Amino acid sequence: VQLQASGGGLVQAGGSMRLSCAASGTTFGLNAVGWYRQAPGKQREVVARISSDRTSDYADAVKGRFTISRDIRGNTLYLQMNSLKPEDTAIYYCNLIKRTGQYWGQGTMVTVSS
């Protein structure tokens, strides 16, 4: 199982960006999935998740600005990020939890300039 995150880069504050996470060797299906981030000098934190019962939840810091989704075929996970702020700067990781274990993407860097 491999997860490949992409879509990061440099954006100005107030801008938008969409991250993608492609799964190989498996699909996201109806398993619990999520996006996490780790800013320099800080611990990894949850950004957004979709549970196995399809409910979504978001960190307070991103509510109303970020949207997590997955495509109908279950191969790709997305994170749409709007109204980006400098404090959103971090490495973003996608995550998949299956019965066989927990899997992480390699991370994609998002830098928001002020």
C-alpha atoms as a PDB file:
ATOM      1  CA  VAL A   1       0.000   0.000   0.000  1.00  0.00           C
ATOM      2  CA  GLN A   2       1.331   3.393  -0.968  1.00  0.00           C
ATOM      3  CA  LEU A   3      -0.126   6.858  -0.620  1.00  0.00           C
ATOM      4  CA  GLN A   4       1.247   9.656  -2.780  1.00  0.00           C
ATOM      5  CA  ALA A   5       0.388  13.210  -1.768  1.00  0.00           C
ATOM      6  CA  SER A   6       0.732  16.094  -4.188  1.00  0.00           C
ATOM      7  CA  GLY A   7      -0.440  19.625  -4.869  1.00  0.00           C
ATOM      8  CA  GLY A   8       1.569  21.568  -2.330  1.00  0.00           C
ATOM      9  CA  GLY A   9       3.559  24.674  -3.068  1.00  0.00           C
ATOM     10  CA  LEU A  10       3.699  28.380  -2.369  1.00  0.00           C
ATOM     11  CA  VAL A  11       0.575  30.511  -2.234  1.00  0.00           C
ATOM     12  CA  GLN A  12      -0.247  33.983  -0.969  1.00  0.00           C
ATOM     13  CA  ALA A  13      -2.463  34.487   2.016  1.00  0.00           C
ATOM     14  CA  GLY A  14      -6.091  34.438   0.980  1.00  0.00           C
ATOM     15  CA  GLY A  15      -5.418  32.077  -1.878  1.00  0.00           C
ATOM     16  CA  SER A  16      -6.574  28.526  -2.508  1.00  0.00           C
ATOM     17  CA  MET A  17      -4.899  25.206  -3.073  1.00  0.00           C
ATOM     18  CA  ARG A  18      -6.056  21.636  -3.547  1.00  0.00           C
ATOM     19  CA  LEU A  19      -4.069  18.705  -2.273  1.00  0.00           C
ATOM     20  CA  SER A  20      -4.465  15.220  -3.698  1.00  0.00           C
ATOM     21  CA  CYS A  21      -3.514  11.842  -2.327  1.00  0.00           C
ATOM     22  CA  ALA A  22      -3.434   8.889  -4.677  1.00  0.00           C
ATOM     23  CA  ALA A  23      -3.623   5.342  -3.352  1.00  0.00           C
ATOM     24  CA  SER A  24      -1.880   2.405  -4.969  1.00  0.00           C
ATOM     25  CA  GLY A  25      -2.155  -1.186  -3.907  1.00  0.00           C
ATOM     26  CA  THR A  26      -5.482  -0.403  -2.303  1.00  0.00           C
ATOM     27  CA  THR A  27      -8.348   2.061  -2.467  1.00  0.00           C
ATOM     28  CA  PHE A  28      -9.601   4.442   0.150  1.00  0.00           C
ATOM     29  CA  GLY A  29     -13.030   2.845  -0.131  1.00  0.00           C
ATOM     30  CA  LEU A  30     -15.141   3.413   2.948  1.00  0.00           C
ATOM     31  CA  ASN A  31     -12.218   3.275   5.342  1.00  0.00           C
ATOM     32  CA  ALA A  32     -11.348   6.105   7.678  1.00  0.00           C
ATOM     33  CA  VAL A  33      -9.172   8.661   5.922  1.00  0.00           C
ATOM     34  CA  GLY A  34      -7.731  12.004   6.829  1.00  0.00           C
ATOM     35  CA  TRP A  35      -5.322  14.840   6.322  1.00  0.00           C
ATOM     36  CA  TYR A  36      -2.830  15.849   8.972  1.00  0.00           C
ATOM     37  CA  ARG A  37      -0.200  18.553   9.076  1.00  0.00           C
ATOM     38  CA  GLN A  38       3.020  19.300  10.867  1.00  0.00           C
ATOM     39  CA  ALA A  39       4.373  22.806  11.109  1.00  0.00           C
ATOM     40  CA  PRO A  40       8.052  23.452  11.885  1.00  0.00           C
ATOM     41  CA  GLY A  41       8.761  22.790  15.531  1.00  0.00           C
ATOM     42  CA  LYS A  42       5.272  21.475  16.208  1.00  0.00           C
ATOM     43  CA  GLN A  43       3.623  18.104  16.532  1.00  0.00           C
ATOM     44  CA  ARG A  44       1.565  16.561  13.796  1.00  0.00           C
ATOM     45  CA  GLU A  45      -2.085  17.489  14.115  1.00  0.00           C
ATOM     46  CA  VAL A  46      -5.298  16.423  12.466  1.00  0.00           C
ATOM     47  CA  VAL A  47      -6.724  18.771   9.848  1.00  0.00           C
ATOM     48  CA  ALA A  48      -9.731  16.874   8.517  1.00  0.00           C
ATOM     49  CA  ARG A  49     -11.052  13.348   8.605  1.00  0.00           C
ATOM     50  CA  ILE A  50     -13.764  11.190   7.085  1.00  0.00           C
ATOM     51  CA  SER A  51     -14.728   8.300   9.325  1.00  0.00           C
ATOM     52  CA  SER A  52     -15.867   4.879   8.172  1.00  0.00           C
ATOM     53  CA  ASP A  53     -19.478   5.977   8.652  1.00  0.00           C
ATOM     54  CA  ARG A  54     -18.789   8.795   6.153  1.00  0.00           C
ATOM     55  CA  THR A  55     -19.018  11.618   8.649  1.00  0.00           C
ATOM     56  CA  SER A  56     -16.458  14.398   8.345  1.00  0.00           C
ATOM     57  CA  ASP A  57     -14.867  16.495  11.006  1.00  0.00           C
ATOM     58  CA  TYR A  58     -12.395  19.341  10.924  1.00  0.00           C
ATOM     59  CA  ALA A  59      -9.954  21.051  13.205  1.00  0.00           C
ATOM     60  CA  ASP A  60     -11.375  24.287  14.547  1.00  0.00           C
ATOM     61  CA  ALA A  61      -8.599  26.224  12.853  1.00  0.00           C
ATOM     62  CA  VAL A  62      -9.733  25.155   9.374  1.00  0.00           C
ATOM     63  CA  LYS A  63     -13.503  24.861   9.709  1.00  0.00           C
ATOM     64  CA  GLY A  64     -15.297  26.730   6.980  1.00  0.00           C
ATOM     65  CA  ARG A  65     -12.120  27.034   4.898  1.00  0.00           C
ATOM     66  CA  PHE A  66     -11.027  23.462   4.154  1.00  0.00           C
ATOM     67  CA  THR A  67     -13.019  20.596   2.647  1.00  0.00           C
ATOM     68  CA  ILE A  68     -12.030  16.939   2.600  1.00  0.00           C
ATOM     69  CA  SER A  69     -13.431  14.638  -0.064  1.00  0.00           C
ATOM     70  CA  ARG A  70     -12.654  11.489  -2.029  1.00  0.00           C
ATOM     71  CA  ASP A  71     -13.502  10.522  -5.548  1.00  0.00           C
ATOM     72  CA  ILE A  72     -16.296   8.092  -6.282  1.00  0.00           C
ATOM     73  CA  ARG A  73     -13.886   5.345  -7.328  1.00  0.00           C
ATOM     74  CA  GLY A  74     -12.149   5.656  -3.989  1.00  0.00           C
ATOM     75  CA  ASN A  75      -8.639   6.020  -5.392  1.00  0.00           C
ATOM     76  CA  THR A  76      -7.963   9.643  -4.572  1.00  0.00           C
ATOM     77  CA  LEU A  77      -8.386  11.770  -1.472  1.00  0.00           C
ATOM     78  CA  TYR A  78      -8.572  15.547  -1.692  1.00  0.00           C
ATOM     79  CA  LEU A  79      -8.210  18.535   0.566  1.00  0.00           C
ATOM     80  CA  GLN A  80      -9.544  21.791  -0.830  1.00  0.00           C
ATOM     81  CA  MET A  81      -8.037  24.693   1.070  1.00  0.00           C
ATOM     82  CA  ASN A  82      -9.473  28.185   0.724  1.00  0.00           C
ATOM     83  CA  SER A  83      -8.706  31.478   2.409  1.00  0.00           C
ATOM     84  CA  LEU A  84      -5.273  30.225   3.319  1.00  0.00           C
ATOM     85  CA  LYS A  85      -3.401  31.867   6.159  1.00  0.00           C
ATOM     86  CA  PRO A  86       0.320  31.942   6.978  1.00  0.00           C
ATOM     87  CA  GLU A  87      -0.388  29.722   9.985  1.00  0.00           C
ATOM     88  CA  ASP A  88      -1.535  26.998   7.565  1.00  0.00           C
ATOM     89  CA  THR A  89       2.089  26.603   6.497  1.00  0.00           C
ATOM     90  CA  ALA A  90       3.084  22.996   7.164  1.00  0.00           C
ATOM     91  CA  ILE A  91       3.801  19.633   5.653  1.00  0.00           C
ATOM     92  CA  TYR A  92       0.487  17.954   4.907  1.00  0.00           C
ATOM     93  CA  TYR A  93       0.111  14.181   5.152  1.00  0.00           C
ATOM     94  CA  CYS A  94      -2.698  11.952   4.004  1.00  0.00           C
ATOM     95  CA  ASN A  95      -3.720   9.009   6.128  1.00  0.00           C
ATOM     96  CA  LEU A  96      -5.654   5.780   5.683  1.00  0.00           C
ATOM     97  CA  ILE A  97      -6.803   3.405   8.393  1.00  0.00           C
ATOM     98  CA  LYS A  98      -7.684  -0.117   7.348  1.00  0.00           C
ATOM     99  CA  ARG A  99      -8.089  -3.331   9.288  1.00  0.00           C
ATOM    100  CA  THR A 100      -4.616  -4.278   8.083  1.00  0.00           C
ATOM    101  CA  GLY A 101      -3.008  -1.159   9.500  1.00  0.00           C
ATOM    102  CA  GLN A 102      -2.511   2.578   9.236  1.00  0.00           C
ATOM    103  CA  TYR A 103      -0.819   4.152   6.237  1.00  0.00           C
ATOM    104  CA  TRP A 104       0.722   7.565   5.608  1.00  0.00           C
ATOM    105  CA  GLY A 105       1.618   9.497   2.511  1.00  0.00           C
ATOM    106  CA  GLN A 106       5.053  11.044   2.240  1.00  0.00           C
ATOM    107  CA  GLY A 107       3.828  14.590   2.835  1.00  0.00           C
ATOM    108  CA  THR A 108       3.544  17.658   0.662  1.00  0.00           C
ATOM    109  CA  MET A 109       4.745  21.082   1.739  1.00  0.00           C
ATOM    110  CA  VAL A 110       2.341  24.001   1.783  1.00  0.00           C
ATOM    111  CA  THR A 111       3.772  27.471   2.298  1.00  0.00           C
ATOM    112  CA  VAL A 112       1.474  30.453   2.706  1.00  0.00           C
ATOM    113  CA  SER A 113       3.140  33.824   2.396  1.00  0.00           C
ATOM    114  CA  SER A 114       1.774  36.934   4.091  1.00  0.00           C
END
